Amino acid sequence: MSHGHDVQSDLSFQEKLEKLLHHWIKHNDSHADTYRDWMKQAEEEGWVEVADIMKDTADLTIQINKKFEQALRSMSRDQQPGRQ
C-alpha cells in the first residue's frame, strides 16, 4: 500500500526523493498541529495523561521532520550516494 505517495516516474530518483521528503515534512506538520489541537481538548476534558502522550507524539513527529530536513540538506550538498 503506497498511502498515495507515488511520484511522477519521469523524475530522477533524487528529484522523487526530494519531493517526497518535502511532502512528508508538510504532511507531518499538519499531523503535529492536529495532535496539539486534540491534546488541548483532551486536557480540557480532564484526560491529562492522554494529553501528555499526545504532546509527546507531536514532539516526536517534529523530530522526524528534523531528520527529513537533515536528509534534504545532505542531498543539497551534491554528495554522491554512499560518500560522506
PDB file of N, CA and C in Angstrom:
ATOM      1  N   MET A   1       0.840  -1.184   0.000  1.00  0.00           N
ATOM      2  CA  MET A   1       0.000   0.000   0.000  1.00  0.00           C
ATOM      3  C   MET A   1       0.882   1.242   0.000  1.00  0.00           C
ATOM      4  N   SER A   2       0.656   2.142  -0.914  1.00  0.00           N
ATOM      5  CA  SER A   2       1.553   3.283  -1.063  1.00  0.00           C
ATOM      6  C   SER A   2       1.115   4.518  -0.286  1.00  0.00           C
ATOM      7  N   HIS A   3      -0.088   4.536   0.260  1.00  0.00           N
ATOM      8  CA  HIS A   3      -0.592   5.680   1.023  1.00  0.00           C
ATOM      9  C   HIS A   3      -0.604   6.945   0.157  1.00  0.00           C
ATOM     10  N   GLY A   4      -0.675   6.767  -1.167  1.00  0.00           N
ATOM     11  CA  GLY A   4      -0.780   7.906  -2.075  1.00  0.00           C
ATOM     12  C   GLY A   4       0.483   8.715  -2.234  1.00  0.00           C
ATOM     13  N   HIS A   5       1.649   8.110  -2.063  1.00  0.00           N
ATOM     14  CA  HIS A   5       2.900   8.853  -2.138  1.00  0.00           C
ATOM     15  C   HIS A   5       3.692   8.530  -3.391  1.00  0.00           C
ATOM     16  N   ASP A   6       3.005   8.128  -4.446  1.00  0.00           N
ATOM     17  CA  ASP A   6       3.689   7.894  -5.710  1.00  0.00           C
ATOM     18  C   ASP A   6       4.077   9.235  -6.322  1.00  0.00           C
ATOM     19  N   VAL A   7       5.235   9.273  -6.939  1.00  0.00           N
ATOM     20  CA  VAL A   7       5.745  10.500  -7.545  1.00  0.00           C
ATOM     21  C   VAL A   7       5.963  10.227  -9.023  1.00  0.00           C
ATOM     22  N   GLN A   8       5.790  11.265  -9.835  1.00  0.00           N
ATOM     23  CA  GLN A   8       5.914  11.123 -11.287  1.00  0.00           C
ATOM     24  C   GLN A   8       7.154  10.323 -11.663  1.00  0.00           C
ATOM     25  N   SER A   9       6.986   9.395 -12.607  1.00  0.00           N
ATOM     26  CA  SER A   9       8.080   8.499 -12.952  1.00  0.00           C
ATOM     27  C   SER A   9       9.114   9.135 -13.880  1.00  0.00           C
ATOM     28  N   ASP A  10       8.829  10.296 -14.461  1.00  0.00           N
ATOM     29  CA  ASP A  10       9.802  10.920 -15.354  1.00  0.00           C
ATOM     30  C   ASP A  10      10.868  11.716 -14.590  1.00  0.00           C
ATOM     31  N   LEU A  11      10.787  11.731 -13.271  1.00  0.00           N
ATOM     32  CA  LEU A  11      11.777  12.422 -12.454  1.00  0.00           C
ATOM     33  C   LEU A  11      12.914  11.470 -12.110  1.00  0.00           C
ATOM     34  N   SER A  12      14.084  12.031 -11.839  1.00  0.00           N
ATOM     35  CA  SER A  12      15.203  11.208 -11.380  1.00  0.00           C
ATOM     36  C   SER A  12      14.905  10.726  -9.958  1.00  0.00           C
ATOM     37  N   PHE A  13      15.651   9.732  -9.516  1.00  0.00           N
ATOM     38  CA  PHE A  13      15.481   9.229  -8.149  1.00  0.00           C
ATOM     39  C   PHE A  13      15.647  10.364  -7.140  1.00  0.00           C
ATOM     40  N   GLN A  14      16.681  11.189  -7.319  1.00  0.00           N
ATOM     41  CA  GLN A  14      16.928  12.292  -6.383  1.00  0.00           C
ATOM     42  C   GLN A  14      15.752  13.263  -6.364  1.00  0.00           C
ATOM     43  N   GLU A  15      15.227  13.612  -7.533  1.00  0.00           N
ATOM     44  CA  GLU A  15      14.093  14.532  -7.596  1.00  0.00           C
ATOM     45  C   GLU A  15      12.860  13.938  -6.910  1.00  0.00           C
ATOM     46  N   LYS A  16      12.618  12.654  -7.130  1.00  0.00           N
ATOM     47  CA  LYS A  16      11.492  11.989  -6.478  1.00  0.00           C
ATOM     48  C   LYS A  16      11.644  12.021  -4.961  1.00  0.00           C
ATOM     49  N   LEU A  17      12.841  11.654  -4.500  1.00  0.00           N
ATOM     50  CA  LEU A  17      13.080  11.601  -3.065  1.00  0.00           C
ATOM     51  C   LEU A  17      12.949  12.985  -2.428  1.00  0.00           C
ATOM     52  N   GLU A  18      13.477  14.005  -3.092  1.00  0.00           N
ATOM     53  CA  GLU A  18      13.354  15.366  -2.561  1.00  0.00           C
ATOM     54  C   GLU A  18      11.886  15.779  -2.476  1.00  0.00           C
ATOM     55  N   LYS A  19      11.117  15.471  -3.510  1.00  0.00           N
ATOM     56  CA  LYS A  19       9.687  15.793  -3.491  1.00  0.00           C
ATOM     57  C   LYS A  19       8.975  15.057  -2.355  1.00  0.00           C
ATOM     58  N   LEU A  20       9.306  13.782  -2.193  1.00  0.00           N
ATOM     59  CA  LEU A  20       8.687  13.014  -1.119  1.00  0.00           C
ATOM     60  C   LEU A  20       9.055  13.576   0.251  1.00  0.00           C
ATOM     61  N   LEU A  21      10.312  13.912   0.456  1.00  0.00           N
ATOM     62  CA  LEU A  21      10.731  14.465   1.744  1.00  0.00           C
ATOM     63  C   LEU A  21       9.999  15.768   2.047  1.00  0.00           C
ATOM     64  N   HIS A  22       9.882  16.646   1.054  1.00  0.00           N
ATOM     65  CA  HIS A  22       9.137  17.896   1.258  1.00  0.00           C
ATOM     66  C   HIS A  22       7.670  17.604   1.588  1.00  0.00           C
ATOM     67  N   HIS A  23       7.098  16.646   0.873  1.00  0.00           N
ATOM     68  CA  HIS A  23       5.707  16.269   1.111  1.00  0.00           C
ATOM     69  C   HIS A  23       5.524  15.729   2.527  1.00  0.00           C
ATOM     70  N   TRP A  24       6.429  14.831   2.932  1.00  0.00           N
ATOM     71  CA  TRP A  24       6.311  14.226   4.255  1.00  0.00           C
ATOM     72  C   TRP A  24       6.463  15.260   5.362  1.00  0.00           C
ATOM     73  N   ILE A  25       7.335  16.243   5.164  1.00  0.00           N
ATOM     74  CA  ILE A  25       7.501  17.309   6.160  1.00  0.00           C
ATOM     75  C   ILE A  25       6.193  18.083   6.313  1.00  0.00           C
ATOM     76  N   LYS A  26       5.626  18.483   5.205  1.00  0.00           N
ATOM     77  CA  LYS A  26       4.360  19.227   5.251  1.00  0.00           C
ATOM     78  C   LYS A  26       3.250  18.374   5.872  1.00  0.00           C
ATOM     79  N   HIS A  27       3.192  17.126   5.460  1.00  0.00           N
ATOM     80  CA  HIS A  27       2.192  16.183   5.960  1.00  0.00           C
ATOM     81  C   HIS A  27       2.335  16.004   7.482  1.00  0.00           C
ATOM     82  N   ASN A  28       3.565  15.810   7.936  1.00  0.00           N
ATOM     83  CA  ASN A  28       3.813  15.634   9.365  1.00  0.00           C
ATOM     84  C   ASN A  28       3.509  16.894  10.158  1.00  0.00           C
ATOM     85  N   ASP A  29       3.826  18.067   9.602  1.00  0.00           N
ATOM     86  CA  ASP A  29       3.486  19.323  10.279  1.00  0.00           C
ATOM     87  C   ASP A  29       1.983  19.407  10.517  1.00  0.00           C
ATOM     88  N   SER A  30       1.224  19.031   9.510  1.00  0.00           N
ATOM     89  CA  SER A  30      -0.234  19.041   9.634  1.00  0.00           C
ATOM     90  C   SER A  30      -0.690  18.075  10.731  1.00  0.00           C
ATOM     91  N   HIS A  31      -0.111  16.887  10.744  1.00  0.00           N
ATOM     92  CA  HIS A  31      -0.465  15.920  11.790  1.00  0.00           C
ATOM     93  C   HIS A  31      -0.086  16.445  13.173  1.00  0.00           C
ATOM     94  N   ALA A  32       1.084  17.025  13.308  1.00  0.00           N
ATOM     95  CA  ALA A  32       1.515  17.553  14.605  1.00  0.00           C
ATOM     96  C   ALA A  32       0.551  18.630  15.095  1.00  0.00           C
ATOM     97  N   ASP A  33       0.096  19.495  14.188  1.00  0.00           N
ATOM     98  CA  ASP A  33      -0.888  20.521  14.558  1.00  0.00           C
ATOM     99  C   ASP A  33      -2.183  19.879  15.048  1.00  0.00           C
ATOM    100  N   THR A  34      -2.620  18.847  14.346  1.00  0.00           N
ATOM    101  CA  THR A  34      -3.844  18.143  14.746  1.00  0.00           C
ATOM    102  C   THR A  34      -3.670  17.484  16.111  1.00  0.00           C
ATOM    103  N   TYR A  35      -2.517  16.854  16.334  1.00  0.00           N
ATOM    104  CA  TYR A  35      -2.263  16.232  17.635  1.00  0.00           C
ATOM    105  C   TYR A  35      -2.325  17.266  18.749  1.00  0.00           C
ATOM    106  N   ARG A  36      -1.754  18.451  18.498  1.00  0.00           N
ATOM    107  CA  ARG A  36      -1.771  19.508  19.527  1.00  0.00           C
ATOM    108  C   ARG A  36      -3.184  20.011  19.783  1.00  0.00           C
ATOM    109  N   ASP A  37      -3.974  20.149  18.723  1.00  0.00           N
ATOM    110  CA  ASP A  37      -5.366  20.574  18.900  1.00  0.00           C
ATOM    111  C   ASP A  37      -6.126  19.587  19.785  1.00  0.00           C
ATOM    112  N   TRP A  38      -5.977  18.297  19.480  1.00  0.00           N
ATOM    113  CA  TRP A  38      -6.665  17.272  20.255  1.00  0.00           C
ATOM    114  C   TRP A  38      -6.068  17.147  21.656  1.00  0.00           C
ATOM    115  N   MET A  39      -4.785  17.426  21.786  1.00  0.00           N
ATOM    116  CA  MET A  39      -4.145  17.424  23.096  1.00  0.00           C
ATOM    117  C   MET A  39      -4.821  18.455  23.996  1.00  0.00           C
ATOM    118  N   LYS A  40      -5.035  19.654  23.461  1.00  0.00           N
ATOM    119  CA  LYS A  40      -5.685  20.716  24.236  1.00  0.00           C
ATOM    120  C   LYS A  40      -7.095  20.313  24.638  1.00  0.00           C
ATOM    121  N   GLN A  41      -7.812  19.720  23.701  1.00  0.00           N
ATOM    122  CA  GLN A  41      -9.179  19.287  24.003  1.00  0.00           C
ATOM    123  C   GLN A  41      -9.188  18.183  25.058  1.00  0.00           C
ATOM    124  N   ALA A  42      -8.258  17.240  24.956  1.00  0.00           N
ATOM    125  CA  ALA A  42      -8.171  16.160  25.934  1.00  0.00           C
ATOM    126  C   ALA A  42      -7.866  16.733  27.319  1.00  0.00           C
ATOM    127  N   GLU A  43      -6.981  17.711  27.358  1.00  0.00           N
ATOM    128  CA  GLU A  43      -6.623  18.363  28.613  1.00  0.00           C
ATOM    129  C   GLU A  43      -7.848  19.037  29.237  1.00  0.00           C
ATOM    130  N   GLU A  44      -8.608  19.756  28.409  1.00  0.00           N
ATOM    131  CA  GLU A  44      -9.813  20.441  28.880  1.00  0.00           C
ATOM    132  C   GLU A  44     -10.856  19.464  29.414  1.00  0.00           C
ATOM    133  N   GLU A  45     -10.865  18.259  28.873  1.00  0.00           N
ATOM    134  CA  GLU A  45     -11.818  17.236  29.306  1.00  0.00           C
ATOM    135  C   GLU A  45     -11.302  16.421  30.493  1.00  0.00           C
ATOM    136  N   GLY A  46     -10.100  16.768  30.963  1.00  0.00           N
ATOM    137  CA  GLY A  46      -9.548  16.091  32.126  1.00  0.00           C
ATOM    138  C   GLY A  46      -8.698  14.870  31.813  1.00  0.00           C
ATOM    139  N   TRP A  47      -8.434  14.622  30.556  1.00  0.00           N
ATOM    140  CA  TRP A  47      -7.610  13.484  30.141  1.00  0.00           C
ATOM    141  C   TRP A  47      -6.140  13.928  30.097  1.00  0.00           C
ATOM    142  N   VAL A  48      -5.591  14.227  31.258  1.00  0.00           N
ATOM    143  CA  VAL A  48      -4.257  14.811  31.361  1.00  0.00           C
ATOM    144  C   VAL A  48      -3.179  13.854  30.844  1.00  0.00           C
ATOM    145  N   GLU A  49      -3.255  12.586  31.231  1.00  0.00           N
ATOM    146  CA  GLU A  49      -2.248  11.625  30.781  1.00  0.00           C
ATOM    147  C   GLU A  49      -2.316  11.455  29.261  1.00  0.00           C
ATOM    148  N   VAL A  50      -3.514  11.385  28.732  1.00  0.00           N
ATOM    149  CA  VAL A  50      -3.689  11.272  27.274  1.00  0.00           C
ATOM    150  C   VAL A  50      -3.120  12.514  26.592  1.00  0.00           C
ATOM    151  N   ALA A  51      -3.391  13.686  27.153  1.00  0.00           N
ATOM    152  CA  ALA A  51      -2.867  14.936  26.597  1.00  0.00           C
ATOM    153  C   ALA A  51      -1.341  14.931  26.595  1.00  0.00           C
ATOM    154  N   ASP A  52      -0.749  14.435  27.673  1.00  0.00           N
ATOM    155  CA  ASP A  52       0.719  14.349  27.742  1.00  0.00           C
ATOM    156  C   ASP A  52       1.269  13.431  26.653  1.00  0.00           C
ATOM    157  N   ILE A  53       0.598  12.305  26.442  1.00  0.00           N
ATOM    158  CA  ILE A  53       1.028  11.365  25.405  1.00  0.00           C
ATOM    159  C   ILE A  53       0.904  12.009  24.026  1.00  0.00           C
ATOM    160  N   MET A  54      -0.166  12.741  23.809  1.00  0.00           N
ATOM    161  CA  MET A  54      -0.359  13.400  22.512  1.00  0.00           C
ATOM    162  C   MET A  54       0.681  14.495  22.292  1.00  0.00           C
ATOM    163  N   LYS A  55       1.054  15.195  23.355  1.00  0.00           N
ATOM    164  CA  LYS A  55       2.121  16.205  23.235  1.00  0.00           C
ATOM    165  C   LYS A  55       3.420  15.533  22.830  1.00  0.00           C
ATOM    166  N   ASP A  56       3.737  14.412  23.500  1.00  0.00           N
ATOM    167  CA  ASP A  56       4.947  13.664  23.150  1.00  0.00           C
ATOM    168  C   ASP A  56       4.906  13.213  21.690  1.00  0.00           C
ATOM    169  N   THR A  57       3.746  12.774  21.242  1.00  0.00           N
ATOM    170  CA  THR A  57       3.589  12.318  19.859  1.00  0.00           C
ATOM    171  C   THR A  57       3.830  13.465  18.883  1.00  0.00           C
ATOM    172  N   ALA A  58       3.285  14.642  19.179  1.00  0.00           N
ATOM    173  CA  ALA A  58       3.511  15.813  18.327  1.00  0.00           C
ATOM    174  C   ALA A  58       5.000  16.165  18.299  1.00  0.00           C
ATOM    175  N   ASP A  59       5.639  16.120  19.462  1.00  0.00           N
ATOM    176  CA  ASP A  59       7.074  16.422  19.536  1.00  0.00           C
ATOM    177  C   ASP A  59       7.898  15.416  18.728  1.00  0.00           C
ATOM    178  N   LEU A  60       7.545  14.139  18.822  1.00  0.00           N
ATOM    179  CA  LEU A  60       8.257  13.109  18.051  1.00  0.00           C
ATOM    180  C   LEU A  60       8.062  13.315  16.552  1.00  0.00           C
ATOM    181  N   THR A  61       6.875  13.727  16.172  1.00  0.00           N
ATOM    182  CA  THR A  61       6.598  13.986  14.756  1.00  0.00           C
ATOM    183  C   THR A  61       7.499  15.099  14.236  1.00  0.00           C
ATOM    184  N   ILE A  62       7.690  16.137  15.037  1.00  0.00           N
ATOM    185  CA  ILE A  62       8.583  17.240  14.650  1.00  0.00           C
ATOM    186  C   ILE A  62      10.031  16.751  14.592  1.00  0.00           C
ATOM    187  N   GLN A  63      10.409  15.849  15.485  1.00  0.00           N
ATOM    188  CA  GLN A  63      11.765  15.283  15.429  1.00  0.00           C
ATOM    189  C   GLN A  63      11.983  14.491  14.143  1.00  0.00           C
ATOM    190  N   ILE A  64      10.955  13.780  13.713  1.00  0.00           N
ATOM    191  CA  ILE A  64      11.042  13.066  12.438  1.00  0.00           C
ATOM    192  C   ILE A  64      11.285  14.066  11.317  1.00  0.00           C
ATOM    193  N   ASN A  65      10.563  15.179  11.329  1.00  0.00           N
ATOM    194  CA  ASN A  65      10.761  16.198  10.294  1.00  0.00           C
ATOM    195  C   ASN A  65      12.181  16.742  10.302  1.00  0.00           C
ATOM    196  N   LYS A  66      12.767  16.879  11.471  1.00  0.00           N
ATOM    197  CA  LYS A  66      14.152  17.358  11.533  1.00  0.00           C
ATOM    198  C   LYS A  66      15.092  16.379  10.835  1.00  0.00           C
ATOM    199  N   LYS A  67      14.804  15.086  10.952  1.00  0.00           N
ATOM    200  CA  LYS A  67      15.598  14.081  10.238  1.00  0.00           C
ATOM    201  C   LYS A  67      15.387  14.206   8.734  1.00  0.00           C
ATOM    202  N   PHE A  68      14.132  14.409   8.300  1.00  0.00           N
ATOM    203  CA  PHE A  68      13.862  14.603   6.877  1.00  0.00           C
ATOM    204  C   PHE A  68      14.582  15.850   6.362  1.00  0.00           C
ATOM    205  N   GLU A  69      14.582  16.933   7.149  1.00  0.00           N
ATOM    206  CA  GLU A  69      15.284  18.159   6.753  1.00  0.00           C
ATOM    207  C   GLU A  69      16.784  17.915   6.665  1.00  0.00           C
ATOM    208  N   GLN A  70      17.314  17.114   7.577  1.00  0.00           N
ATOM    209  CA  GLN A  70      18.730  16.750   7.538  1.00  0.00           C
ATOM    210  C   GLN A  70      19.033  15.986   6.246  1.00  0.00           C
ATOM    211  N   ALA A  71      18.150  15.082   5.873  1.00  0.00           N
ATOM    212  CA  ALA A  71      18.331  14.331   4.623  1.00  0.00           C
ATOM    213  C   ALA A  71      18.330  15.275   3.425  1.00  0.00           C
ATOM    214  N   LEU A  72      17.418  16.248   3.411  1.00  0.00           N
ATOM    215  CA  LEU A  72      17.381  17.216   2.308  1.00  0.00           C
ATOM    216  C   LEU A  72      18.667  18.026   2.243  1.00  0.00           C
ATOM    217  N   ARG A  73      19.174  18.451   3.399  1.00  0.00           N
ATOM    218  CA  ARG A  73      20.428  19.211   3.413  1.00  0.00           C
ATOM    219  C   ARG A  73      21.572  18.363   2.876  1.00  0.00           C
ATOM    220  N   SER A  74      21.589  17.110   3.250  1.00  0.00           N
ATOM    221  CA  SER A  74      22.621  16.200   2.780  1.00  0.00           C
ATOM    222  C   SER A  74      22.555  16.055   1.262  1.00  0.00           C
ATOM    223  N   MET A  75      21.359  15.941   0.732  1.00  0.00           N
ATOM    224  CA  MET A  75      21.196  15.805  -0.716  1.00  0.00           C
ATOM    225  C   MET A  75      21.574  17.096  -1.441  1.00  0.00           C
ATOM    226  N   SER A  76      21.331  18.233  -0.817  1.00  0.00           N
ATOM    227  CA  SER A  76      21.606  19.513  -1.484  1.00  0.00           C
ATOM    228  C   SER A  76      23.095  19.825  -1.557  1.00  0.00           C
ATOM    229  N   ARG A  77      23.907  19.094  -0.792  1.00  0.00           N
ATOM    230  CA  ARG A  77      25.359  19.304  -0.845  1.00  0.00           C
ATOM    231  C   ARG A  77      25.985  18.603  -2.038  1.00  0.00           C
ATOM    232  N   ASP A  78      25.137  18.050  -2.900  1.00  0.00           N
ATOM    233  CA  ASP A  78      25.593  17.363  -4.118  1.00  0.00           C
ATOM    234  C   ASP A  78      26.563  16.232  -3.821  1.00  0.00           C
ATOM    235  N   GLN A  79      26.309  15.536  -2.747  1.00  0.00           N
ATOM    236  CA  GLN A  79      27.141  14.378  -2.436  1.00  0.00           C
ATOM    237  C   GLN A  79      26.756  13.226  -3.357  1.00  0.00           C
ATOM    238  N   GLN A  80      27.723  12.429  -3.670  1.00  0.00           N
ATOM    239  CA  GLN A  80      27.460  11.206  -4.396  1.00  0.00           C
ATOM    240  C   GLN A  80      26.891  10.197  -3.389  1.00  0.00           C
ATOM    241  N   PRO A  81      25.931   9.402  -3.811  1.00  0.00           N
ATOM    242  CA  PRO A  81      25.407   8.386  -2.885  1.00  0.00           C
ATOM    243  C   PRO A  81      26.530   7.521  -2.329  1.00  0.00           C
ATOM    244  N   GLY A  82      26.467   7.276  -1.018  1.00  0.00           N
ATOM    245  CA  GLY A  82      27.459   6.423  -0.380  1.00  0.00           C
ATOM    246  C   GLY A  82      28.726   7.136   0.028  1.00  0.00           C
ATOM    247  N   ARG A  83      28.818   8.427  -0.263  1.00  0.00           N
ATOM    248  CA  ARG A  83      30.023   9.191   0.121  1.00  0.00           C
ATOM    249  C   ARG A  83      29.661  10.220   1.162  1.00  0.00           C
ATOM    250  N   GLN A  84      30.582  10.475   2.069  1.00  0.00           N
ATOM    251  CA  GLN A  84      30.358  11.454   3.141  1.00  0.00           C
ATOM    252  C   GLN A  84      31.235  12.663   2.942  1.00  0.00           C
TER     253      GLN A  84
END
